[in-house]
């Protein structure tokens, strides 16, 4: 039961909201610093992205380079970047999920409807 006739303590709610906002900002900064990778063609092409999805590095094994078939190389690059971005999204879920859990369906903060 909430003391004070059912009214939530607004100062406490504000402090909780500010802490959640700071935790979320910290997690987003961590994601921007963390690098994850993806590969294609059995490792012939490797991509590295940040946890926020920014492409940081691309490594292409010389065996993947065929001047007569640049389409396959392009496909491998796209697949490696896609795999790296999937890993970044999984990292985002693990990092941000606990912080955003309930937003839109109950914030976990009493008295806030979202």
N, C-alpha and C. Protein backbone atom coordinates (compact mmCIF):
# COMPACT_ATOMS: atom_id res chain seq x y z
N UNK A 1 0.84 -1.17 0.00
CA UNK A 1 0.00 0.00 0.00
C UNK A 1 0.89 1.24 0.00
N UNK A 2 0.49 2.21 -0.76
CA UNK A 2 1.25 3.45 -0.87
C UNK A 2 0.79 4.40 0.22
N UNK A 3 1.76 4.90 1.05
CA UNK A 3 1.37 5.82 2.12
C UNK A 3 0.89 7.15 1.52
N UNK A 4 0.11 7.89 2.30
CA UNK A 4 -0.33 9.20 1.88
C UNK A 4 -1.59 9.16 1.05
N UNK A 5 -2.46 8.22 1.31
CA UNK A 5 -3.74 8.18 0.62
C UNK A 5 -3.65 7.71 -0.82
N UNK A 6 -2.69 6.84 -1.14
CA UNK A 6 -2.62 6.28 -2.48
C UNK A 6 -1.79 7.09 -3.45
N UNK A 7 -1.24 8.21 -3.04
CA UNK A 7 -0.40 9.02 -3.93
C UNK A 7 1.05 8.55 -3.82
N UNK A 8 1.68 8.25 -4.95
CA UNK A 8 3.08 7.82 -4.89
C UNK A 8 3.97 8.99 -4.49
N UNK A 9 5.10 8.68 -3.91
CA UNK A 9 6.08 9.68 -3.52
C UNK A 9 6.75 10.18 -4.80
N UNK A 10 6.41 11.39 -5.22
CA UNK A 10 6.89 11.93 -6.50
C UNK A 10 8.40 12.10 -6.51
N UNK A 11 8.99 12.46 -5.40
CA UNK A 11 10.45 12.61 -5.34
C UNK A 11 11.12 11.26 -5.58
N UNK A 12 10.59 10.22 -4.96
CA UNK A 12 11.14 8.88 -5.14
C UNK A 12 10.97 8.42 -6.59
N UNK A 13 9.81 8.68 -7.18
CA UNK A 13 9.58 8.31 -8.57
C UNK A 13 10.55 9.03 -9.50
N UNK A 14 10.78 10.30 -9.25
CA UNK A 14 11.69 11.08 -10.05
C UNK A 14 13.11 10.53 -9.94
N UNK A 15 13.52 10.20 -8.73
CA UNK A 15 14.86 9.63 -8.53
C UNK A 15 15.00 8.30 -9.26
N UNK A 16 13.98 7.45 -9.19
CA UNK A 16 14.02 6.16 -9.88
C UNK A 16 14.08 6.36 -11.39
N UNK A 17 13.32 7.30 -11.91
CA UNK A 17 13.32 7.57 -13.34
C UNK A 17 14.69 8.10 -13.79
N UNK A 18 15.29 8.97 -12.98
CA UNK A 18 16.61 9.51 -13.32
C UNK A 18 17.67 8.41 -13.29
N UNK A 19 17.57 7.50 -12.33
CA UNK A 19 18.52 6.40 -12.25
C UNK A 19 18.37 5.49 -13.46
N UNK A 20 17.13 5.19 -13.85
CA UNK A 20 16.90 4.36 -15.03
C UNK A 20 17.48 5.03 -16.27
N UNK A 21 17.29 6.32 -16.40
CA UNK A 21 17.80 7.06 -17.55
C UNK A 21 19.32 7.00 -17.57
N UNK A 22 19.96 7.18 -16.43
CA UNK A 22 21.42 7.12 -16.35
C UNK A 22 21.93 5.72 -16.66
N UNK A 23 21.26 4.70 -16.12
CA UNK A 23 21.66 3.32 -16.39
C UNK A 23 21.55 3.01 -17.88
N UNK A 24 20.50 3.49 -18.52
CA UNK A 24 20.31 3.28 -19.95
C UNK A 24 21.40 3.99 -20.75
N UNK A 25 21.73 5.21 -20.38
CA UNK A 25 22.80 5.96 -21.07
C UNK A 25 24.14 5.25 -20.91
N UNK A 26 24.42 4.74 -19.71
CA UNK A 26 25.66 4.01 -19.47
C UNK A 26 25.72 2.74 -20.32
N UNK A 27 24.61 2.03 -20.41
CA UNK A 27 24.56 0.81 -21.21
C UNK A 27 24.77 1.13 -22.69
N UNK A 28 24.19 2.21 -23.17
CA UNK A 28 24.37 2.59 -24.57
C UNK A 28 25.82 2.97 -24.85
N UNK A 29 26.47 3.64 -23.92
CA UNK A 29 27.90 3.97 -24.08
C UNK A 29 28.73 2.69 -24.13
N UNK A 30 28.39 1.74 -23.27
CA UNK A 30 29.12 0.46 -23.26
C UNK A 30 28.95 -0.25 -24.60
N UNK A 31 27.74 -0.24 -25.15
CA UNK A 31 27.50 -0.87 -26.44
C UNK A 31 28.34 -0.21 -27.53
N UNK A 32 28.46 1.09 -27.49
CA UNK A 32 29.22 1.81 -28.51
C UNK A 32 30.72 1.46 -28.44
N UNK A 33 31.19 1.05 -27.26
CA UNK A 33 32.61 0.68 -27.10
C UNK A 33 32.88 -0.79 -27.37
N UNK A 34 31.87 -1.64 -27.22
CA UNK A 34 32.05 -3.07 -27.34
C UNK A 34 32.01 -3.50 -28.81
N UNK A 35 32.96 -4.33 -29.22
CA UNK A 35 33.00 -4.81 -30.59
C UNK A 35 32.61 -6.28 -30.65
N UNK A 36 31.83 -6.63 -31.68
CA UNK A 36 31.45 -8.01 -31.94
C UNK A 36 31.74 -8.29 -33.41
N UNK A 37 31.87 -9.57 -33.73
CA UNK A 37 32.23 -9.93 -35.10
C UNK A 37 31.23 -10.85 -35.74
N UNK A 38 31.38 -10.96 -37.04
CA UNK A 38 30.60 -11.89 -37.83
C UNK A 38 31.46 -12.31 -39.01
N UNK A 39 31.15 -13.46 -39.58
CA UNK A 39 31.96 -13.94 -40.70
C UNK A 39 31.10 -14.65 -41.73
N UNK A 40 31.69 -14.82 -42.90
CA UNK A 40 31.01 -15.53 -43.98
C UNK A 40 32.06 -16.28 -44.80
N UNK A 41 31.58 -17.25 -45.56
CA UNK A 41 32.50 -18.02 -46.40
C UNK A 41 33.52 -18.80 -45.60
N UNK A 42 33.08 -19.32 -44.45
CA UNK A 42 34.01 -20.09 -43.62
C UNK A 42 35.16 -19.27 -43.09
N UNK A 43 34.92 -17.98 -42.90
CA UNK A 43 35.94 -17.11 -42.34
C UNK A 43 36.74 -16.35 -43.39
N UNK A 44 36.37 -16.48 -44.68
CA UNK A 44 37.06 -15.74 -45.73
C UNK A 44 36.83 -14.24 -45.61
N UNK A 45 35.66 -13.86 -45.10
CA UNK A 45 35.35 -12.45 -44.87
C UNK A 45 34.88 -12.31 -43.43
N UNK A 46 35.51 -11.37 -42.71
CA UNK A 46 35.16 -11.13 -41.31
C UNK A 46 34.85 -9.65 -41.13
N UNK A 47 33.76 -9.38 -40.43
CA UNK A 47 33.35 -8.00 -40.15
C UNK A 47 33.31 -7.80 -38.65
N UNK A 48 33.69 -6.61 -38.23
CA UNK A 48 33.61 -6.23 -36.83
C UNK A 48 32.76 -4.98 -36.72
N UNK A 49 31.76 -5.03 -35.85
CA UNK A 49 30.89 -3.88 -35.61
C UNK A 49 30.85 -3.61 -34.11
N UNK A 50 30.45 -2.39 -33.77
CA UNK A 50 30.24 -2.10 -32.35
C UNK A 50 28.90 -2.66 -31.94
N UNK A 51 28.67 -2.71 -30.65
CA UNK A 51 27.39 -3.18 -30.14
C UNK A 51 26.23 -2.30 -30.59
N UNK A 52 26.52 -1.09 -31.04
CA UNK A 52 25.48 -0.22 -31.55
C UNK A 52 25.34 -0.32 -33.06
N UNK A 53 26.13 -1.22 -33.70
CA UNK A 53 25.96 -1.50 -35.12
C UNK A 53 26.88 -0.73 -36.06
N UNK A 54 27.87 -0.01 -35.56
CA UNK A 54 28.79 0.74 -36.41
C UNK A 54 29.89 -0.19 -36.93
N UNK A 55 30.05 -0.27 -38.25
CA UNK A 55 31.09 -1.10 -38.85
C UNK A 55 32.46 -0.52 -38.51
N UNK A 56 33.32 -1.34 -37.90
CA UNK A 56 34.64 -0.88 -37.48
C UNK A 56 35.77 -1.48 -38.32
N UNK A 57 35.59 -2.74 -38.78
CA UNK A 57 36.67 -3.39 -39.51
C UNK A 57 36.09 -4.44 -40.46
N UNK A 58 36.82 -4.65 -41.54
CA UNK A 58 36.45 -5.66 -42.51
C UNK A 58 37.74 -6.32 -42.97
N UNK A 59 37.82 -7.65 -42.82
CA UNK A 59 39.00 -8.39 -43.22
C UNK A 59 38.60 -9.37 -44.31
N UNK A 60 39.32 -9.30 -45.42
CA UNK A 60 39.02 -10.17 -46.56
C UNK A 60 40.25 -11.02 -46.84
N UNK A 61 40.09 -12.33 -46.74
CA UNK A 61 41.16 -13.26 -47.06
C UNK A 61 41.43 -13.17 -48.57
N UNK A 62 42.69 -13.11 -48.98
CA UNK A 62 42.99 -13.03 -50.41
C UNK A 62 42.36 -14.15 -51.25
N UNK A 63 42.13 -15.31 -50.62
CA UNK A 63 41.50 -16.42 -51.35
C UNK A 63 40.08 -16.07 -51.79
N UNK A 64 39.46 -15.09 -51.14
CA UNK A 64 38.09 -14.71 -51.48
C UNK A 64 38.04 -13.76 -52.67
N UNK A 65 39.21 -13.27 -53.10
CA UNK A 65 39.25 -12.28 -54.17
C UNK A 65 39.47 -12.96 -55.51
N UNK A 66 38.45 -12.91 -56.34
CA UNK A 66 38.51 -13.42 -57.71
C UNK A 66 38.05 -12.28 -58.62
N UNK A 67 38.97 -11.68 -59.38
CA UNK A 67 38.58 -10.55 -60.22
C UNK A 67 37.46 -10.88 -61.21
N UNK A 68 37.31 -12.15 -61.52
CA UNK A 68 36.26 -12.57 -62.45
C UNK A 68 34.91 -12.74 -61.75
N UNK A 69 34.91 -12.74 -60.43
CA UNK A 69 33.66 -12.99 -59.70
C UNK A 69 33.56 -12.06 -58.49
N UNK A 70 33.41 -10.80 -58.75
CA UNK A 70 33.30 -9.83 -57.65
C UNK A 70 31.93 -9.91 -56.96
N UNK A 71 30.94 -10.47 -57.64
CA UNK A 71 29.61 -10.60 -57.03
C UNK A 71 29.64 -11.52 -55.81
N UNK A 72 30.37 -12.61 -55.91
CA UNK A 72 30.45 -13.52 -54.77
C UNK A 72 31.15 -12.84 -53.59
N UNK A 73 32.21 -12.10 -53.88
CA UNK A 73 32.89 -11.36 -52.81
C UNK A 73 31.95 -10.36 -52.16
N UNK A 74 31.19 -9.64 -52.97
CA UNK A 74 30.23 -8.68 -52.43
C UNK A 74 29.20 -9.38 -51.55
N UNK A 75 28.73 -10.54 -51.98
CA UNK A 75 27.76 -11.31 -51.19
C UNK A 75 28.37 -11.74 -49.86
N UNK A 76 29.63 -12.16 -49.88
CA UNK A 76 30.30 -12.56 -48.64
C UNK A 76 30.45 -11.38 -47.69
N UNK A 77 30.76 -10.23 -48.23
CA UNK A 77 30.89 -9.03 -47.39
C UNK A 77 29.56 -8.69 -46.74
N UNK A 78 28.51 -8.68 -47.54
CA UNK A 78 27.17 -8.38 -47.01
C UNK A 78 26.80 -9.40 -45.93
N UNK A 79 27.07 -10.68 -46.19
CA UNK A 79 26.73 -11.72 -45.21
C UNK A 79 27.52 -11.56 -43.92
N UNK A 80 28.80 -11.23 -44.02
CA UNK A 80 29.63 -11.04 -42.82
C UNK A 80 29.14 -9.85 -42.00
N UNK A 81 28.83 -8.75 -42.67
CA UNK A 81 28.33 -7.57 -41.96
C UNK A 81 26.97 -7.88 -41.33
N UNK A 82 26.14 -8.60 -42.06
CA UNK A 82 24.82 -8.98 -41.52
C UNK A 82 24.99 -9.85 -40.27
N UNK A 83 25.90 -10.82 -40.33
CA UNK A 83 26.14 -11.69 -39.17
C UNK A 83 26.66 -10.88 -37.99
N UNK A 84 27.56 -9.94 -38.25
CA UNK A 84 28.08 -9.10 -37.16
C UNK A 84 26.97 -8.25 -36.56
N UNK A 85 26.09 -7.71 -37.40
CA UNK A 85 24.98 -6.90 -36.89
C UNK A 85 23.99 -7.75 -36.09
N UNK A 86 23.78 -8.99 -36.49
CA UNK A 86 22.92 -9.87 -35.69
C UNK A 86 23.53 -10.09 -34.31
N UNK A 87 24.84 -10.26 -34.26
CA UNK A 87 25.52 -10.41 -32.97
C UNK A 87 25.42 -9.13 -32.16
N UNK A 88 25.49 -7.98 -32.82
CA UNK A 88 25.34 -6.70 -32.12
C UNK A 88 23.93 -6.56 -31.55
N UNK A 89 22.93 -7.00 -32.31
CA UNK A 89 21.54 -6.92 -31.82
C UNK A 89 21.34 -7.84 -30.62
N UNK A 90 21.96 -9.02 -30.66
CA UNK A 90 21.86 -9.93 -29.51
C UNK A 90 22.52 -9.29 -28.28
N UNK A 91 23.65 -8.63 -28.49
CA UNK A 91 24.32 -7.94 -27.39
C UNK A 91 23.45 -6.81 -26.86
N UNK A 92 22.80 -6.08 -27.75
CA UNK A 92 21.89 -5.01 -27.33
C UNK A 92 20.77 -5.58 -26.46
N UNK A 93 20.20 -6.70 -26.87
CA UNK A 93 19.12 -7.32 -26.10
C UNK A 93 19.61 -7.70 -24.71
N UNK A 94 20.81 -8.30 -24.64
CA UNK A 94 21.34 -8.71 -23.34
C UNK A 94 21.67 -7.50 -22.47
N UNK A 95 22.15 -6.43 -23.08
CA UNK A 95 22.58 -5.26 -22.32
C UNK A 95 21.42 -4.35 -21.96
N UNK A 96 20.57 -4.06 -22.92
CA UNK A 96 19.48 -3.10 -22.70
C UNK A 96 18.20 -3.76 -22.23
N UNK A 97 18.02 -5.03 -22.51
CA UNK A 97 16.78 -5.72 -22.16
C UNK A 97 16.37 -5.55 -20.70
N UNK A 98 17.29 -5.82 -19.77
CA UNK A 98 16.91 -5.66 -18.36
C UNK A 98 16.55 -4.22 -17.99
N UNK A 99 17.14 -3.26 -18.70
CA UNK A 99 16.89 -1.85 -18.38
C UNK A 99 15.57 -1.36 -18.97
N UNK A 100 15.17 -1.93 -20.09
CA UNK A 100 13.95 -1.47 -20.75
C UNK A 100 12.79 -2.42 -20.53
N UNK A 101 13.05 -3.50 -19.83
CA UNK A 101 12.01 -4.49 -19.57
C UNK A 101 10.84 -3.82 -18.87
N UNK A 102 9.69 -4.00 -19.44
CA UNK A 102 8.50 -3.45 -18.82
C UNK A 102 8.10 -2.10 -19.36
N UNK A 103 9.01 -1.39 -20.05
CA UNK A 103 8.60 -0.12 -20.63
C UNK A 103 7.55 -0.42 -21.69
N UNK A 104 6.45 0.23 -21.60
CA UNK A 104 5.36 -0.03 -22.52
C UNK A 104 4.40 -1.04 -21.95
N UNK A 105 4.77 -1.66 -20.86
CA UNK A 105 3.88 -2.64 -20.25
C UNK A 105 4.01 -2.63 -18.76
N UNK A 106 4.38 -1.53 -18.21
CA UNK A 106 4.61 -1.41 -16.77
C UNK A 106 6.07 -1.16 -16.55
N UNK A 107 6.44 0.00 -16.14
CA UNK A 107 7.83 0.40 -16.07
C UNK A 107 8.59 -0.22 -14.92
N UNK A 108 7.93 -0.84 -14.01
CA UNK A 108 8.61 -1.31 -12.84
C UNK A 108 8.71 -0.23 -11.78
N UNK A 109 8.31 0.99 -12.14
CA UNK A 109 8.28 2.09 -11.17
C UNK A 109 6.83 2.30 -10.78
N UNK A 110 6.53 2.11 -9.52
CA UNK A 110 5.14 2.27 -9.09
C UNK A 110 4.59 3.64 -9.45
N UNK A 111 3.40 3.67 -9.94
CA UNK A 111 2.74 4.92 -10.23
C UNK A 111 2.94 5.40 -11.65
N UNK A 112 3.86 4.77 -12.42
CA UNK A 112 4.03 5.17 -13.81
C UNK A 112 3.33 4.14 -14.69
N UNK A 113 2.45 4.58 -15.56
CA UNK A 113 1.63 3.65 -16.32
C UNK A 113 2.32 3.00 -17.50
N UNK A 114 3.45 3.51 -17.99
CA UNK A 114 4.02 2.98 -19.21
C UNK A 114 4.91 1.83 -18.99
